[in-house]
Amino acid sequence: MDKKEQQLLTCYHCGNTGLMNIEGVYKTKCGGEVRDADGNIVDYDPVETIEWRLLSCPVCGDVTLYKEGMNEECGCIDLTEHCYPQIKEYGDAAVPEYIQRAFEAALKVKNIDAPLCLIALRRVLEAICKEKGADGNDLSKMIKDLVDKKILPEMLDDACWVIRQLGNCAAHADDIDFYKYEVERTTEFVGAIIDYLYILPSKISTFKLSVEKKIKN
């Protein structure tokens, strides 16, 4: 039997990071010439090869669906995504590296240890507040300061309250059961805050520049 190809990856079912077996690969392409109704070339989109990989974890046996995009114009990988199990990665240059690492640490234990994940998510929120220069000697006051300064919208104030309260309960070893959906929602809320403060402004700025360049040409 031929030895299967492997890829170094983190399994977000069990948290193990190691070589996973590639069980299957599917490739497709997008981009290229853009034509109008008469068949005339009116634009050209960069050609991108999308590769989907199904991998199995040698530790827990569960599978991961991984997606990778290669920009053929520059020969660089411009997309990496864990499609299953569904997580959100923040390997974006706009996000401070230590905040990325803290969030990834929380994701690694999301399906393994709910209280530990909630504590880690609270830690991410505190790191974000400090990075944004929030005033206050505790997390509650720092969040209020960011909301008062309009750095955080009031809509996300309630999300911060949830993250802080569940993180506190988990840290104090209270006799409380934490459910999977609570961890999922809390993870989503932290992701939304990272999106709002770091990723979305960077994406808008970059895309605006590309549109300005397109219009000038």
C-alpha atoms as a PDB file:
ATOM      1  CA  MET A   1       0.000   0.000   0.000  1.00  0.00           C
ATOM      2  CA  ASP A   2       1.387   3.421  -1.001  1.00  0.00           C
ATOM      3  CA  LYS A   3       2.309   5.723   1.823  1.00  0.00           C
ATOM      4  CA  LYS A   4      -0.084   8.675   2.051  1.00  0.00           C
ATOM      5  CA  GLU A   5       1.144  12.249   1.705  1.00  0.00           C
ATOM      6  CA  GLN A   6       1.085  14.223   4.919  1.00  0.00           C
ATOM      7  CA  GLN A   7       0.740  17.838   5.988  1.00  0.00           C
ATOM      8  CA  LEU A   8       1.686  19.563   9.219  1.00  0.00           C
ATOM      9  CA  LEU A   9      -1.538  20.946  10.663  1.00  0.00           C
ATOM     10  CA  THR A  10      -3.454  21.457  13.897  1.00  0.00           C
ATOM     11  CA  CYS A  11      -6.473  19.219  14.464  1.00  0.00           C
ATOM     12  CA  TYR A  12      -9.200  21.385  15.997  1.00  0.00           C
ATOM     13  CA  HIS A  13     -11.089  18.278  17.143  1.00  0.00           C
ATOM     14  CA  CYS A  14      -8.424  17.179  19.640  1.00  0.00           C
ATOM     15  CA  GLY A  15      -5.901  20.042  19.638  1.00  0.00           C
ATOM     16  CA  ASN A  16      -2.966  17.951  18.400  1.00  0.00           C
ATOM     17  CA  THR A  17      -0.463  19.628  16.081  1.00  0.00           C
ATOM     18  CA  GLY A  18       1.415  17.187  13.884  1.00  0.00           C
ATOM     19  CA  LEU A  19       1.490  15.395  10.557  1.00  0.00           C
ATOM     20  CA  MET A  20      -1.986  14.561   9.244  1.00  0.00           C
ATOM     21  CA  ASN A  21      -2.693  12.117   6.415  1.00  0.00           C
ATOM     22  CA  ILE A  22      -4.013  13.629   3.171  1.00  0.00           C
ATOM     23  CA  GLU A  23      -6.970  11.398   2.268  1.00  0.00           C
ATOM     24  CA  GLY A  24      -8.094  13.268  -0.838  1.00  0.00           C
ATOM     25  CA  VAL A  25      -7.408  16.358  -2.966  1.00  0.00           C
ATOM     26  CA  TYR A  26      -9.681  18.351  -5.293  1.00  0.00           C
ATOM     27  CA  LYS A  27      -8.443  21.265  -7.439  1.00  0.00           C
ATOM     28  CA  THR A  28     -10.296  23.983  -9.320  1.00  0.00           C
ATOM     29  CA  LYS A  29      -9.435  27.302 -10.971  1.00  0.00           C
ATOM     30  CA  CYS A  30     -11.088  30.708 -11.059  1.00  0.00           C
ATOM     31  CA  GLY A  31     -10.315  34.051 -12.647  1.00  0.00           C
ATOM     32  CA  GLY A  32      -8.914  34.855 -16.079  1.00  0.00           C
ATOM     33  CA  GLU A  33     -10.542  36.774 -18.915  1.00  0.00           C
ATOM     34  CA  VAL A  34     -13.812  38.603 -18.260  1.00  0.00           C
ATOM     35  CA  ARG A  35     -16.001  38.954 -21.360  1.00  0.00           C
ATOM     36  CA  ASP A  36     -19.106  40.972 -22.116  1.00  0.00           C
ATOM     37  CA  ALA A  37     -22.299  39.671 -23.753  1.00  0.00           C
ATOM     38  CA  ASP A  38     -20.673  39.930 -27.201  1.00  0.00           C
ATOM     39  CA  GLY A  39     -17.659  37.889 -26.201  1.00  0.00           C
ATOM     40  CA  ASN A  40     -15.248  40.825 -26.026  1.00  0.00           C
ATOM     41  CA  ILE A  41     -12.584  40.814 -23.319  1.00  0.00           C
ATOM     42  CA  VAL A  42     -13.380  43.695 -20.978  1.00  0.00           C
ATOM     43  CA  ASP A  43     -11.311  42.835 -17.927  1.00  0.00           C
ATOM     44  CA  TYR A  44      -8.959  40.268 -16.468  1.00  0.00           C
ATOM     45  CA  ASP A  45      -9.098  38.754 -13.000  1.00  0.00           C
ATOM     46  CA  PRO A  46      -6.012  37.134 -11.473  1.00  0.00           C
ATOM     47  CA  VAL A  47      -6.010  33.366 -12.010  1.00  0.00           C
ATOM     48  CA  GLU A  48      -6.194  31.423  -8.764  1.00  0.00           C
ATOM     49  CA  THR A  49      -5.890  27.696  -8.184  1.00  0.00           C
ATOM     50  CA  ILE A  50      -8.026  26.483  -5.280  1.00  0.00           C
ATOM     51  CA  GLU A  51      -7.002  23.200  -3.669  1.00  0.00           C
ATOM     52  CA  TRP A  52      -9.237  21.379  -1.201  1.00  0.00           C
ATOM     53  CA  ARG A  53      -7.657  18.725   1.027  1.00  0.00           C
ATOM     54  CA  LEU A  54      -9.364  16.170   3.253  1.00  0.00           C
ATOM     55  CA  LEU A  55      -7.022  15.118   6.048  1.00  0.00           C
ATOM     56  CA  SER A  56      -7.315  12.621   8.894  1.00  0.00           C
ATOM     57  CA  CYS A  57      -5.829  13.046  12.357  1.00  0.00           C
ATOM     58  CA  PRO A  58      -3.680  10.088  13.519  1.00  0.00           C
ATOM     59  CA  VAL A  59      -4.496  10.883  17.161  1.00  0.00           C
ATOM     60  CA  CYS A  60      -8.306  11.189  17.297  1.00  0.00           C
ATOM     61  CA  GLY A  61      -9.224   9.848  13.830  1.00  0.00           C
ATOM     62  CA  ASP A  62     -11.439  12.817  12.920  1.00  0.00           C
ATOM     63  CA  VAL A  63     -11.166  14.603   9.583  1.00  0.00           C
ATOM     64  CA  THR A  64     -10.271  18.167   8.621  1.00  0.00           C
ATOM     65  CA  LEU A  65     -11.239  19.932   5.392  1.00  0.00           C
ATOM     66  CA  TYR A  66      -8.554  22.445   4.444  1.00  0.00           C
ATOM     67  CA  LYS A  67      -8.631  24.985   1.607  1.00  0.00           C
ATOM     68  CA  GLU A  68      -5.623  26.663   0.015  1.00  0.00           C
ATOM     69  CA  GLY A  69      -5.551  29.278  -2.754  1.00  0.00           C
ATOM     70  CA  MET A  70      -2.544  29.888  -5.014  1.00  0.00           C
ATOM     71  CA  ASN A  71      -2.327  33.140  -6.990  1.00  0.00           C
ATOM     72  CA  GLU A  72      -0.766  32.096 -10.295  1.00  0.00           C
ATOM     73  CA  GLU A  73       0.234  35.668 -11.166  1.00  0.00           C
ATOM     74  CA  CYS A  74       2.714  35.937  -8.310  1.00  0.00           C
ATOM     75  CA  GLY A  75       3.073  32.254  -7.425  1.00  0.00           C
ATOM     76  CA  CYS A  76       2.118  32.900  -3.819  1.00  0.00           C
ATOM     77  CA  ILE A  77      -0.448  31.365  -1.482  1.00  0.00           C
ATOM     78  CA  ASP A  78      -3.030  34.058  -0.716  1.00  0.00           C
ATOM     79  CA  LEU A  79      -5.688  31.956   1.008  1.00  0.00           C
ATOM     80  CA  THR A  80      -5.609  29.338   3.756  1.00  0.00           C
ATOM     81  CA  GLU A  81      -8.786  28.260   5.505  1.00  0.00           C
ATOM     82  CA  HIS A  82      -9.971  25.497   7.827  1.00  0.00           C
ATOM     83  CA  CYS A  83     -13.430  24.719   6.413  1.00  0.00           C
ATOM     84  CA  TYR A  84     -14.186  21.853   8.799  1.00  0.00           C
ATOM     85  CA  PRO A  85     -14.296  21.792  11.753  1.00  0.00           C
ATOM     86  CA  GLN A  86     -15.443  25.376  11.414  1.00  0.00           C
ATOM     87  CA  ILE A  87     -13.077  27.795  13.079  1.00  0.00           C
ATOM     88  CA  LYS A  88     -11.929  31.278  12.291  1.00  0.00           C
ATOM     89  CA  GLU A  89      -8.269  31.943  11.831  1.00  0.00           C
ATOM     90  CA  TYR A  90      -6.726  35.361  12.129  1.00  0.00           C
ATOM     91  CA  GLY A  91      -3.385  35.001  10.405  1.00  0.00           C
ATOM     92  CA  ASP A  92      -3.738  38.565   9.124  1.00  0.00           C
ATOM     93  CA  ALA A  93      -0.892  41.083   9.165  1.00  0.00           C
ATOM     94  CA  ALA A  94      -3.328  43.690  10.506  1.00  0.00           C
ATOM     95  CA  VAL A  95      -3.763  41.722  13.754  1.00  0.00           C
ATOM     96  CA  PRO A  96      -0.914  42.083  16.289  1.00  0.00           C
ATOM     97  CA  GLU A  97       1.029  38.828  16.476  1.00  0.00           C
ATOM     98  CA  TYR A  98       0.587  38.300  20.224  1.00  0.00           C
ATOM     99  CA  ILE A  99      -3.185  38.709  19.876  1.00  0.00           C
ATOM    100  CA  GLN A 100      -3.171  36.148  17.042  1.00  0.00           C
ATOM    101  CA  ARG A 101      -1.219  33.711  19.213  1.00  0.00           C
ATOM    102  CA  ALA A 102      -3.545  34.205  22.176  1.00  0.00           C
ATOM    103  CA  PHE A 103      -6.638  33.618  20.031  1.00  0.00           C
ATOM    104  CA  GLU A 104      -5.120  30.535  18.379  1.00  0.00           C
ATOM    105  CA  ALA A 105      -4.333  29.140  21.846  1.00  0.00           C
ATOM    106  CA  ALA A 106      -8.026  29.501  22.746  1.00  0.00           C
ATOM    107  CA  LEU A 107      -9.116  27.813  19.506  1.00  0.00           C
ATOM    108  CA  LYS A 108      -6.867  24.821  20.139  1.00  0.00           C
ATOM    109  CA  VAL A 109      -8.738  23.900  23.318  1.00  0.00           C
ATOM    110  CA  LYS A 110     -12.239  24.940  22.164  1.00  0.00           C
ATOM    111  CA  ASN A 111     -13.409  21.358  21.602  1.00  0.00           C
ATOM    112  CA  ILE A 112     -11.330  19.909  24.436  1.00  0.00           C
ATOM    113  CA  ASP A 113     -11.661  22.060  27.568  1.00  0.00           C
ATOM    114  CA  ALA A 114     -14.539  24.584  27.642  1.00  0.00           C
ATOM    115  CA  PRO A 115     -13.526  26.434  30.857  1.00  0.00           C
ATOM    116  CA  LEU A 116      -9.919  26.777  29.681  1.00  0.00           C
ATOM    117  CA  CYS A 117     -11.111  28.133  26.328  1.00  0.00           C
ATOM    118  CA  LEU A 118     -13.347  30.725  28.013  1.00  0.00           C
ATOM    119  CA  ILE A 119     -10.470  31.876  30.227  1.00  0.00           C
ATOM    120  CA  ALA A 120      -8.238  32.157  27.157  1.00  0.00           C
ATOM    121  CA  LEU A 121     -10.885  34.179  25.273  1.00  0.00           C
ATOM    122  CA  ARG A 122     -11.150  36.609  28.192  1.00  0.00           C
ATOM    123  CA  ARG A 123      -7.363  36.949  28.035  1.00  0.00           C
ATOM    124  CA  VAL A 124      -7.598  37.813  24.322  1.00  0.00           C
ATOM    125  CA  LEU A 125     -10.139  40.540  25.096  1.00  0.00           C
ATOM    126  CA  GLU A 126      -7.876  41.995  27.782  1.00  0.00           C
ATOM    127  CA  ALA A 127      -4.906  41.956  25.370  1.00  0.00           C
ATOM    128  CA  ILE A 128      -7.001  43.824  22.776  1.00  0.00           C
ATOM    129  CA  CYS A 129      -8.011  46.470  25.332  1.00  0.00           C
ATOM    130  CA  LYS A 130      -4.390  47.041  26.341  1.00  0.00           C
ATOM    131  CA  GLU A 131      -3.222  47.171  22.715  1.00  0.00           C
ATOM    132  CA  LYS A 132      -5.842  49.851  22.008  1.00  0.00           C
ATOM    133  CA  GLY A 133      -4.617  51.921  24.968  1.00  0.00           C
ATOM    134  CA  ALA A 134      -7.684  51.491  27.172  1.00  0.00           C
ATOM    135  CA  ASP A 135      -7.622  53.199  30.570  1.00  0.00           C
ATOM    136  CA  GLY A 136      -8.783  51.386  33.706  1.00  0.00           C
ATOM    137  CA  ASN A 137      -7.459  49.055  36.379  1.00  0.00           C
ATOM    138  CA  ASP A 138      -9.763  46.154  35.488  1.00  0.00           C
ATOM    139  CA  LEU A 139     -11.249  44.687  32.318  1.00  0.00           C
ATOM    140  CA  SER A 140     -14.723  46.130  32.889  1.00  0.00           C
ATOM    141  CA  LYS A 141     -13.354  49.684  33.095  1.00  0.00           C
ATOM    142  CA  MET A 142     -11.090  49.170  30.088  1.00  0.00           C
ATOM    143  CA  ILE A 143     -14.050  48.014  27.974  1.00  0.00           C
ATOM    144  CA  LYS A 144     -16.111  51.024  29.107  1.00  0.00           C
ATOM    145  CA  ASP A 145     -13.228  53.327  28.182  1.00  0.00           C
ATOM    146  CA  LEU A 146     -13.043  51.927  24.640  1.00  0.00           C
ATOM    147  CA  VAL A 147     -16.820  52.275  24.235  1.00  0.00           C
ATOM    148  CA  ASP A 148     -16.753  55.853  25.593  1.00  0.00           C
ATOM    149  CA  LYS A 149     -13.957  56.716  23.138  1.00  0.00           C
ATOM    150  CA  LYS A 150     -16.012  55.197  20.282  1.00  0.00           C
ATOM    151  CA  ILE A 151     -13.194  52.740  19.543  1.00  0.00           C
ATOM    152  CA  LEU A 152     -15.672  49.947  20.233  1.00  0.00           C
ATOM    153  CA  PRO A 153     -19.321  50.361  19.190  1.00  0.00           C
ATOM    154  CA  GLU A 154     -22.007  49.989  21.858  1.00  0.00           C
ATOM    155  CA  MET A 155     -23.273  46.923  19.989  1.00  0.00           C
ATOM    156  CA  LEU A 156     -20.087  45.063  20.961  1.00  0.00           C
ATOM    157  CA  ASP A 157     -20.281  46.217  24.591  1.00  0.00           C
ATOM    158  CA  ASP A 158     -22.722  43.395  25.395  1.00  0.00           C
ATOM    159  CA  ALA A 159     -20.452  40.914  23.601  1.00  0.00           C
ATOM    160  CA  CYS A 160     -17.567  42.055  25.817  1.00  0.00           C
ATOM    161  CA  TRP A 161     -19.773  41.589  28.891  1.00  0.00           C
ATOM    162  CA  VAL A 162     -20.479  37.971  27.894  1.00  0.00           C
ATOM    163  CA  ILE A 163     -16.782  37.246  27.249  1.00  0.00           C
ATOM    164  CA  ARG A 164     -15.760  38.796  30.567  1.00  0.00           C
ATOM    165  CA  GLN A 165     -18.469  37.131  32.682  1.00  0.00           C
ATOM    166  CA  LEU A 166     -18.012  33.616  31.288  1.00  0.00           C
ATOM    167  CA  GLY A 167     -14.228  33.978  31.530  1.00  0.00           C
ATOM    168  CA  ASN A 168     -14.530  35.049  35.167  1.00  0.00           C
ATOM    169  CA  CYS A 169     -16.829  32.126  36.027  1.00  0.00           C
ATOM    170  CA  ALA A 170     -14.452  29.658  34.381  1.00  0.00           C
ATOM    171  CA  ALA A 171     -11.409  31.144  36.156  1.00  0.00           C
ATOM    172  CA  HIS A 172     -13.023  30.996  39.602  1.00  0.00           C
ATOM    173  CA  ALA A 173     -13.713  27.259  39.303  1.00  0.00           C
ATOM    174  CA  ASP A 174     -17.378  27.788  40.093  1.00  0.00           C
ATOM    175  CA  ASP A 175     -19.610  24.715  40.015  1.00  0.00           C
ATOM    176  CA  ILE A 176     -21.060  25.664  36.627  1.00  0.00           C
ATOM    177  CA  ASP A 177     -21.410  23.569  33.496  1.00  0.00           C
ATOM    178  CA  PHE A 178     -20.332  25.271  30.285  1.00  0.00           C
ATOM    179  CA  TYR A 179     -22.041  24.155  27.100  1.00  0.00           C
ATOM    180  CA  LYS A 180     -20.625  23.883  23.615  1.00  0.00           C
ATOM    181  CA  TYR A 181     -22.917  26.555  22.175  1.00  0.00           C
ATOM    182  CA  GLU A 182     -21.748  29.018  24.868  1.00  0.00           C
ATOM    183  CA  VAL A 183     -18.126  28.465  23.889  1.00  0.00           C
ATOM    184  CA  GLU A 184     -19.024  28.766  20.182  1.00  0.00           C
ATOM    185  CA  ARG A 185     -20.878  32.061  20.666  1.00  0.00           C
ATOM    186  CA  THR A 186     -18.128  33.504  22.866  1.00  0.00           C
ATOM    187  CA  THR A 187     -15.509  32.544  20.277  1.00  0.00           C
ATOM    188  CA  GLU A 188     -17.593  34.228  17.569  1.00  0.00           C
ATOM    189  CA  PHE A 189     -17.858  37.399  19.668  1.00  0.00           C
ATOM    190  CA  VAL A 190     -14.083  37.621  20.130  1.00  0.00           C
ATOM    191  CA  GLY A 191     -13.688  37.029  16.397  1.00  0.00           C
ATOM    192  CA  ALA A 192     -16.166  39.830  15.658  1.00  0.00           C
ATOM    193  CA  ILE A 193     -14.173  42.236  17.834  1.00  0.00           C
ATOM    194  CA  ILE A 194     -10.930  41.304  16.056  1.00  0.00           C
ATOM    195  CA  ASP A 195     -12.679  41.747  12.700  1.00  0.00           C
ATOM    196  CA  TYR A 196     -14.062  45.160  13.632  1.00  0.00           C
ATOM    197  CA  LEU A 197     -10.877  46.602  15.154  1.00  0.00           C
ATOM    198  CA  TYR A 198      -8.177  45.135  12.918  1.00  0.00           C
ATOM    199  CA  ILE A 199      -9.166  43.127   9.856  1.00  0.00           C
ATOM    200  CA  LEU A 200     -12.096  45.079   8.407  1.00  0.00           C
ATOM    201  CA  PRO A 201     -10.307  48.491   8.429  1.00  0.00           C
ATOM    202  CA  SER A 202      -7.285  46.893   6.729  1.00  0.00           C
ATOM    203  CA  LYS A 203      -9.434  45.154   4.093  1.00  0.00           C
ATOM    204  CA  ILE A 204     -11.388  48.327   3.333  1.00  0.00           C
ATOM    205  CA  SER A 205      -8.201  50.381   2.984  1.00  0.00           C
ATOM    206  CA  THR A 206      -6.517  47.816   0.713  1.00  0.00           C
ATOM    207  CA  PHE A 207      -9.588  47.338  -1.476  1.00  0.00           C
ATOM    208  CA  LYS A 208     -10.164  51.092  -1.739  1.00  0.00           C
ATOM    209  CA  LEU A 209      -6.617  51.526  -3.069  1.00  0.00           C
ATOM    210  CA  SER A 210      -7.168  48.793  -5.675  1.00  0.00           C
ATOM    211  CA  VAL A 211     -10.439  50.412  -6.810  1.00  0.00           C
ATOM    212  CA  GLU A 212      -8.765  53.837  -7.039  1.00  0.00           C
ATOM    213  CA  LYS A 213      -5.995  52.308  -9.148  1.00  0.00           C
ATOM    214  CA  LYS A 214      -8.555  50.557 -11.382  1.00  0.00           C
ATOM    215  CA  ILE A 215     -10.505  53.793 -11.938  1.00  0.00           C
ATOM    216  CA  LYS A 216      -7.348  55.753 -12.827  1.00  0.00           C
ATOM    217  CA  ASN A 217      -6.362  53.149 -15.402  1.00  0.00           C
END
